[in-house]
């Protein structure tokens, strides 16, 4: 198993009301990534993702378009120093 790291992403565009969080959870779980996806008050979605670098890159690429119905206009990512959570949640 490779080294674990965590990254936080803020996704802008039409990303609320289109099953973005649930779809992100499904993608993350399929990749073995833990973290969360949650709506922000300003209409964006925040995603914390922790896992191996290659898997994070795959999820980050997916976040660039999201599920059908989403219209992603921008994804801002930054590395964060956190202990990885257990599982992947939405909230």
Protein backbone atom coordinates (compact mmCIF):
# COMPACT_ATOMS: atom_id res chain seq x y z
CA UNK A 1 0.00 0.00 0.00
CA UNK A 2 1.32 3.44 -0.94
CA UNK A 3 1.64 6.43 1.32
CA UNK A 4 -1.65 7.99 2.37
CA UNK A 5 -2.26 11.70 1.90
CA UNK A 6 -5.22 14.02 2.23
CA UNK A 7 -6.48 16.72 -0.10
CA UNK A 8 -9.36 19.16 0.16
CA UNK A 9 -11.25 20.23 -2.97
CA UNK A 10 -13.80 23.01 -3.46
CA UNK A 11 -15.99 22.44 -6.50
CA UNK A 12 -17.87 25.34 -8.13
CA UNK A 13 -20.68 25.38 -10.68
CA UNK A 14 -24.02 23.60 -10.69
CA UNK A 15 -23.01 21.03 -8.09
CA UNK A 16 -25.90 21.07 -5.62
CA UNK A 17 -29.19 19.33 -6.29
CA UNK A 18 -27.60 16.98 -8.87
CA UNK A 19 -26.55 14.08 -6.56
CA UNK A 20 -22.97 15.38 -6.56
CA UNK A 21 -22.20 14.35 -2.97
CA UNK A 22 -23.66 10.85 -3.27
CA UNK A 23 -21.95 10.27 -6.62
CA UNK A 24 -18.66 11.50 -5.15
CA UNK A 25 -19.09 9.05 -2.27
CA UNK A 26 -19.65 6.19 -4.73
CA UNK A 27 -16.57 7.14 -6.76
CA UNK A 28 -14.45 7.52 -3.62
CA UNK A 29 -15.54 4.19 -2.16
CA UNK A 30 -14.82 2.43 -5.48
CA UNK A 31 -11.29 3.90 -5.34
CA UNK A 32 -10.73 3.07 -1.66
CA UNK A 33 -10.69 6.74 -0.65
CA UNK A 34 -11.99 8.00 2.71
CA UNK A 35 -13.22 11.49 3.58
CA UNK A 36 -16.43 13.45 3.04
CA UNK A 37 -18.43 15.54 0.60
CA UNK A 38 -20.62 18.36 1.92
CA UNK A 39 -22.57 21.29 0.54
CA UNK A 40 -21.38 24.79 1.36
CA UNK A 41 -23.77 27.66 1.99
CA UNK A 42 -22.51 29.51 -1.11
CA UNK A 43 -23.57 26.71 -3.49
CA UNK A 44 -20.21 24.99 -3.80
CA UNK A 45 -19.29 21.49 -2.61
CA UNK A 46 -16.33 20.71 -0.34
CA UNK A 47 -14.65 17.32 -0.60
CA UNK A 48 -12.03 15.90 1.75
CA UNK A 49 -10.31 12.90 0.20
CA UNK A 50 -7.61 10.75 1.78
CA UNK A 51 -5.84 7.86 0.11
CA UNK A 52 -2.98 6.94 -2.21
CA UNK A 53 -1.82 9.68 -4.59
CA UNK A 54 -2.82 7.81 -7.77
CA UNK A 55 -6.32 7.21 -6.44
CA UNK A 56 -6.69 10.83 -5.34
CA UNK A 57 -5.67 11.91 -8.84
CA UNK A 58 -8.40 9.70 -10.32
CA UNK A 59 -11.07 11.17 -8.02
CA UNK A 60 -9.81 14.70 -8.66
CA UNK A 61 -10.17 14.10 -12.40
CA UNK A 62 -13.74 12.83 -11.88
CA UNK A 63 -14.57 15.91 -9.76
CA UNK A 64 -13.77 18.02 -12.84
CA UNK A 65 -17.01 16.89 -14.47
CA UNK A 66 -19.00 15.14 -11.71
CA UNK A 67 -22.19 13.15 -12.28
CA UNK A 68 -24.70 13.65 -15.11
CA UNK A 69 -26.55 16.92 -14.54
CA UNK A 70 -23.62 18.67 -12.87
CA UNK A 71 -21.88 21.59 -14.54
CA UNK A 72 -18.48 21.99 -12.89
CA UNK A 73 -16.84 25.34 -13.60
CA UNK A 74 -13.85 25.16 -11.23
CA UNK A 75 -12.09 22.73 -8.89
CA UNK A 76 -9.64 24.16 -6.35
CA UNK A 77 -7.50 21.59 -4.52
CA UNK A 78 -4.98 21.85 -1.74
CA UNK A 79 -3.05 19.29 0.28
CA UNK A 80 -4.00 19.16 3.95
CA UNK A 81 -2.33 17.53 6.95
CA UNK A 82 -5.08 15.53 8.64
CA UNK A 83 -5.56 12.08 10.08
CA UNK A 84 -7.70 10.18 7.54
CA UNK A 85 -11.27 9.64 8.78
CA UNK A 86 -12.99 6.26 8.85
CA UNK A 87 -15.02 5.76 5.68
CA UNK A 88 -16.56 8.35 3.38
CA UNK A 89 -19.56 10.42 4.46
CA UNK A 90 -21.87 13.03 2.99
CA UNK A 91 -23.42 15.79 5.02
